[in-house]
Amino acid sequence: MNHTEHHIPAIQLATQDLQIIRKPQALKMLGISKSNFHIKINEGLLPAGINLGANSVGYFKHELTAVIIAMATSKTQEEIKNLVKGLLEQRHNLLG
């Protein structure tokens, strides 16, 4: 795979399907600790959260699901980083 190419797993996503979850749900979904969660975000292995307001951060459930699928299918860290980059780019296209 070309390093600039982003392969996003086939997850049907319509605007009405967007679901934001908070950190406790994200941690439970991923089965990792808070510290490991933040390490993975800093390393580009998980997408960063979105600002929900004063001291509130949420995470798109479909983005975390895509990363879980990548991990479950034995993708390399480099492939997961490319996936996360692609997911973050998709955010900018949500409204057209």
N, C-alpha and C. Protein backbone atom coordinates (compact mmCIF):
# COMPACT_ATOMS: atom_id res chain seq x y z
N MET A 1 0.84 -1.19 0.00
CA MET A 1 0.00 0.00 0.00
C MET A 1 0.88 1.24 0.00
N ASN A 2 0.57 2.17 -0.83
CA ASN A 2 1.26 3.44 -0.90
C ASN A 2 1.03 4.18 0.42
N HIS A 3 2.08 4.82 0.95
CA HIS A 3 1.96 5.48 2.26
C HIS A 3 1.01 6.67 2.24
N THR A 4 0.74 7.22 1.05
CA THR A 4 -0.19 8.35 0.99
C THR A 4 -1.61 7.89 0.74
N GLU A 5 -1.78 6.60 0.49
CA GLU A 5 -3.11 6.04 0.21
C GLU A 5 -3.78 5.65 1.52
N HIS A 6 -5.05 5.96 1.66
CA HIS A 6 -5.78 5.63 2.87
C HIS A 6 -6.88 4.65 2.53
N HIS A 7 -6.84 3.49 3.16
CA HIS A 7 -7.89 2.50 2.92
C HIS A 7 -8.81 2.50 4.14
N ILE A 8 -10.05 2.89 3.93
CA ILE A 8 -11.04 2.93 5.00
C ILE A 8 -11.90 1.68 4.88
N PRO A 9 -12.04 0.90 5.97
CA PRO A 9 -12.91 -0.28 5.89
C PRO A 9 -14.31 0.11 5.44
N ALA A 10 -14.96 -0.82 4.79
CA ALA A 10 -16.29 -0.56 4.24
C ALA A 10 -17.32 -0.47 5.35
N ILE A 11 -17.46 0.70 5.91
CA ILE A 11 -18.47 0.96 6.94
C ILE A 11 -19.43 1.97 6.34
N GLN A 12 -20.67 1.57 6.20
CA GLN A 12 -21.67 2.48 5.65
C GLN A 12 -21.87 3.62 6.65
N LEU A 13 -21.71 4.83 6.16
CA LEU A 13 -21.82 5.98 7.05
C LEU A 13 -22.70 7.04 6.41
N ALA A 14 -23.80 7.30 7.05
CA ALA A 14 -24.67 8.39 6.65
C ALA A 14 -24.68 9.37 7.81
N THR A 15 -24.98 10.61 7.52
CA THR A 15 -24.96 11.63 8.56
C THR A 15 -25.80 11.23 9.76
N GLN A 16 -26.94 10.58 9.54
CA GLN A 16 -27.80 10.20 10.66
C GLN A 16 -27.18 9.08 11.50
N ASP A 17 -26.15 8.41 10.97
CA ASP A 17 -25.50 7.32 11.70
C ASP A 17 -24.38 7.79 12.63
N LEU A 18 -24.04 9.06 12.58
CA LEU A 18 -22.95 9.56 13.41
C LEU A 18 -23.33 9.46 14.88
N GLN A 19 -22.46 8.84 15.64
CA GLN A 19 -22.69 8.73 17.07
C GLN A 19 -21.41 9.13 17.79
N ILE A 20 -21.56 10.02 18.74
CA ILE A 20 -20.43 10.47 19.55
C ILE A 20 -20.50 9.76 20.89
N ILE A 21 -19.37 9.19 21.28
CA ILE A 21 -19.30 8.55 22.60
C ILE A 21 -18.25 9.27 23.43
N ARG A 22 -18.41 9.19 24.73
CA ARG A 22 -17.47 9.83 25.65
C ARG A 22 -16.34 8.87 25.98
N LYS A 23 -15.32 9.39 26.64
CA LYS A 23 -14.11 8.61 26.91
C LYS A 23 -14.37 7.29 27.63
N PRO A 24 -15.19 7.24 28.69
CA PRO A 24 -15.41 5.95 29.36
C PRO A 24 -15.95 4.88 28.41
N GLN A 25 -16.86 5.27 27.51
CA GLN A 25 -17.39 4.32 26.53
C GLN A 25 -16.31 3.91 25.54
N ALA A 26 -15.49 4.86 25.11
CA ALA A 26 -14.41 4.57 24.16
C ALA A 26 -13.41 3.60 24.78
N LEU A 27 -13.06 3.83 26.04
CA LEU A 27 -12.11 2.94 26.73
C LEU A 27 -12.67 1.53 26.84
N LYS A 28 -13.95 1.44 27.17
CA LYS A 28 -14.60 0.13 27.28
C LYS A 28 -14.65 -0.56 25.92
N MET A 29 -14.98 0.20 24.90
CA MET A 29 -15.07 -0.34 23.54
C MET A 29 -13.72 -0.90 23.09
N LEU A 30 -12.64 -0.19 23.41
CA LEU A 30 -11.30 -0.59 22.99
C LEU A 30 -10.64 -1.56 23.95
N GLY A 31 -11.08 -1.57 25.20
CA GLY A 31 -10.50 -2.46 26.20
C GLY A 31 -9.09 -2.06 26.60
N ILE A 32 -8.82 -0.75 26.65
CA ILE A 32 -7.49 -0.27 27.03
C ILE A 32 -7.60 0.75 28.16
N SER A 33 -6.46 1.04 28.78
CA SER A 33 -6.41 2.01 29.88
C SER A 33 -6.42 3.43 29.34
N LYS A 34 -6.69 4.39 30.23
CA LYS A 34 -6.67 5.80 29.85
C LYS A 34 -5.30 6.21 29.32
N SER A 35 -4.25 5.77 30.01
CA SER A 35 -2.90 6.16 29.58
C SER A 35 -2.57 5.58 28.21
N ASN A 36 -2.92 4.32 27.98
CA ASN A 36 -2.67 3.70 26.68
C ASN A 36 -3.50 4.38 25.59
N PHE A 37 -4.72 4.78 25.93
CA PHE A 37 -5.60 5.49 25.00
C PHE A 37 -4.93 6.77 24.52
N HIS A 38 -4.38 7.55 25.45
CA HIS A 38 -3.74 8.81 25.08
C HIS A 38 -2.43 8.59 24.34
N ILE A 39 -1.70 7.55 24.70
CA ILE A 39 -0.47 7.22 23.97
C ILE A 39 -0.81 6.91 22.52
N LYS A 40 -1.84 6.10 22.31
CA LYS A 40 -2.24 5.72 20.95
C LYS A 40 -2.71 6.93 20.14
N ILE A 41 -3.40 7.87 20.77
CA ILE A 41 -3.81 9.09 20.07
C ILE A 41 -2.57 9.89 19.68
N ASN A 42 -1.64 10.05 20.62
CA ASN A 42 -0.42 10.82 20.34
C ASN A 42 0.44 10.18 19.27
N GLU A 43 0.39 8.85 19.16
CA GLU A 43 1.18 8.13 18.15
C GLU A 43 0.45 8.05 16.81
N GLY A 44 -0.79 8.55 16.75
CA GLY A 44 -1.56 8.50 15.51
C GLY A 44 -2.23 7.17 15.26
N LEU A 45 -2.34 6.34 16.31
CA LEU A 45 -2.96 5.02 16.17
C LEU A 45 -4.45 5.04 16.52
N LEU A 46 -4.92 6.15 17.04
CA LEU A 46 -6.35 6.37 17.31
C LEU A 46 -6.66 7.81 16.92
N PRO A 47 -7.87 8.07 16.43
CA PRO A 47 -8.23 9.44 16.09
C PRO A 47 -8.45 10.28 17.35
N ALA A 48 -8.03 11.52 17.28
CA ALA A 48 -8.24 12.44 18.39
C ALA A 48 -9.73 12.70 18.56
N GLY A 49 -10.09 13.14 19.76
CA GLY A 49 -11.48 13.45 20.04
C GLY A 49 -11.92 14.75 19.40
N ILE A 50 -13.21 15.01 19.53
CA ILE A 50 -13.76 16.27 19.04
C ILE A 50 -14.27 17.07 20.23
N ASN A 51 -14.10 18.37 20.14
CA ASN A 51 -14.49 19.26 21.22
C ASN A 51 -16.01 19.38 21.26
N LEU A 52 -16.58 19.09 22.42
CA LEU A 52 -18.03 19.19 22.60
C LEU A 52 -18.43 20.40 23.42
N GLY A 53 -17.45 21.17 23.85
CA GLY A 53 -17.73 22.33 24.68
C GLY A 53 -16.75 22.39 25.83
N ALA A 54 -17.10 23.17 26.82
CA ALA A 54 -16.22 23.38 27.97
C ALA A 54 -15.83 22.05 28.61
N ASN A 55 -14.57 21.70 28.50
CA ASN A 55 -14.01 20.49 29.12
C ASN A 55 -14.70 19.20 28.70
N SER A 56 -15.32 19.17 27.54
CA SER A 56 -15.99 17.97 27.07
C SER A 56 -15.40 17.54 25.73
N VAL A 57 -15.04 16.26 25.66
CA VAL A 57 -14.50 15.69 24.43
C VAL A 57 -15.27 14.42 24.13
N GLY A 58 -15.53 14.19 22.87
CA GLY A 58 -16.19 12.96 22.44
C GLY A 58 -15.42 12.34 21.30
N TYR A 59 -15.81 11.13 20.96
CA TYR A 59 -15.13 10.36 19.91
C TYR A 59 -16.20 9.78 19.00
N PHE A 60 -15.95 9.83 17.69
CA PHE A 60 -16.89 9.21 16.76
C PHE A 60 -16.78 7.70 16.87
N LYS A 61 -17.91 7.08 17.14
CA LYS A 61 -17.94 5.63 17.32
C LYS A 61 -17.49 4.90 16.06
N HIS A 62 -17.90 5.39 14.88
CA HIS A 62 -17.52 4.71 13.64
C HIS A 62 -16.01 4.75 13.40
N GLU A 63 -15.34 5.81 13.87
CA GLU A 63 -13.89 5.89 13.71
C GLU A 63 -13.20 4.85 14.58
N LEU A 64 -13.66 4.72 15.82
CA LEU A 64 -13.07 3.72 16.71
C LEU A 64 -13.36 2.31 16.20
N THR A 65 -14.56 2.10 15.67
CA THR A 65 -14.91 0.80 15.09
C THR A 65 -13.97 0.45 13.94
N ALA A 66 -13.67 1.42 13.09
CA ALA A 66 -12.76 1.19 11.96
C ALA A 66 -11.38 0.77 12.45
N VAL A 67 -10.90 1.41 13.52
CA VAL A 67 -9.58 1.05 14.07
C VAL A 67 -9.63 -0.35 14.67
N ILE A 68 -10.71 -0.68 15.36
CA ILE A 68 -10.85 -2.03 15.93
C ILE A 68 -10.83 -3.07 14.82
N ILE A 69 -11.51 -2.80 13.72
CA ILE A 69 -11.51 -3.73 12.58
C ILE A 69 -10.09 -3.88 12.03
N ALA A 70 -9.38 -2.78 11.93
CA ALA A 70 -7.99 -2.84 11.43
C ALA A 70 -7.12 -3.68 12.35
N MET A 71 -7.27 -3.50 13.66
CA MET A 71 -6.48 -4.30 14.62
C MET A 71 -6.87 -5.77 14.53
N ALA A 72 -8.17 -6.03 14.40
CA ALA A 72 -8.66 -7.41 14.35
C ALA A 72 -8.21 -8.14 13.10
N THR A 73 -7.92 -7.38 12.05
CA THR A 73 -7.48 -7.99 10.79
C THR A 73 -5.96 -7.88 10.63
N SER A 74 -5.28 -7.70 11.75
CA SER A 74 -3.80 -7.73 11.82
C SER A 74 -3.12 -6.69 10.93
N LYS A 75 -3.71 -5.51 10.82
CA LYS A 75 -3.05 -4.44 10.08
C LYS A 75 -1.82 -3.98 10.86
N THR A 76 -0.80 -3.52 10.14
CA THR A 76 0.42 -3.03 10.78
C THR A 76 0.14 -1.67 11.42
N GLN A 77 1.05 -1.23 12.29
CA GLN A 77 0.88 0.09 12.89
C GLN A 77 0.88 1.18 11.83
N GLU A 78 1.71 1.01 10.81
CA GLU A 78 1.76 2.00 9.72
C GLU A 78 0.42 2.04 8.98
N GLU A 79 -0.18 0.89 8.73
CA GLU A 79 -1.48 0.84 8.07
C GLU A 79 -2.56 1.48 8.94
N ILE A 80 -2.49 1.26 10.25
CA ILE A 80 -3.47 1.86 11.15
C ILE A 80 -3.28 3.37 11.20
N LYS A 81 -2.03 3.84 11.20
CA LYS A 81 -1.78 5.28 11.16
C LYS A 81 -2.36 5.89 9.89
N ASN A 82 -2.20 5.21 8.77
CA ASN A 82 -2.77 5.71 7.51
C ASN A 82 -4.29 5.71 7.56
N LEU A 83 -4.86 4.69 8.18
CA LEU A 83 -6.31 4.63 8.36
C LEU A 83 -6.79 5.83 9.18
N VAL A 84 -6.12 6.09 10.29
CA VAL A 84 -6.51 7.20 11.17
C VAL A 84 -6.40 8.53 10.42
N LYS A 85 -5.33 8.71 9.64
CA LYS A 85 -5.20 9.93 8.84
C LYS A 85 -6.39 10.08 7.90
N GLY A 86 -6.78 8.98 7.26
CA GLY A 86 -7.92 9.01 6.36
C GLY A 86 -9.22 9.33 7.07
N LEU A 87 -9.40 8.77 8.26
CA LEU A 87 -10.61 9.05 9.04
C LEU A 87 -10.68 10.52 9.41
N LEU A 88 -9.54 11.10 9.80
CA LEU A 88 -9.52 12.51 10.17
C LEU A 88 -9.80 13.39 8.96
N GLU A 89 -9.30 12.98 7.79
CA GLU A 89 -9.60 13.72 6.56
C GLU A 89 -11.09 13.65 6.23
N GLN A 90 -11.71 12.50 6.49
CA GLN A 90 -13.14 12.34 6.23
C GLN A 90 -13.98 13.31 7.04
N ARG A 91 -13.52 13.65 8.24
CA ARG A 91 -14.28 14.59 9.08
C ARG A 91 -14.53 15.90 8.34
N HIS A 92 -13.54 16.34 7.58
CA HIS A 92 -13.65 17.62 6.87
C HIS A 92 -14.65 17.55 5.73
N ASN A 93 -15.01 16.35 5.32
CA ASN A 93 -15.94 16.18 4.20
C ASN A 93 -17.36 15.83 4.65
N LEU A 94 -17.62 15.81 5.95
CA LEU A 94 -18.93 15.39 6.44
C LEU A 94 -20.07 16.30 5.97
N LEU A 95 -19.79 17.57 5.84
CA LEU A 95 -20.84 18.50 5.43
C LEU A 95 -20.76 18.84 3.95
N GLY A 96 -19.94 18.15 3.23
CA GLY A 96 -19.88 18.35 1.79
C GLY A 96 -18.69 19.10 1.41
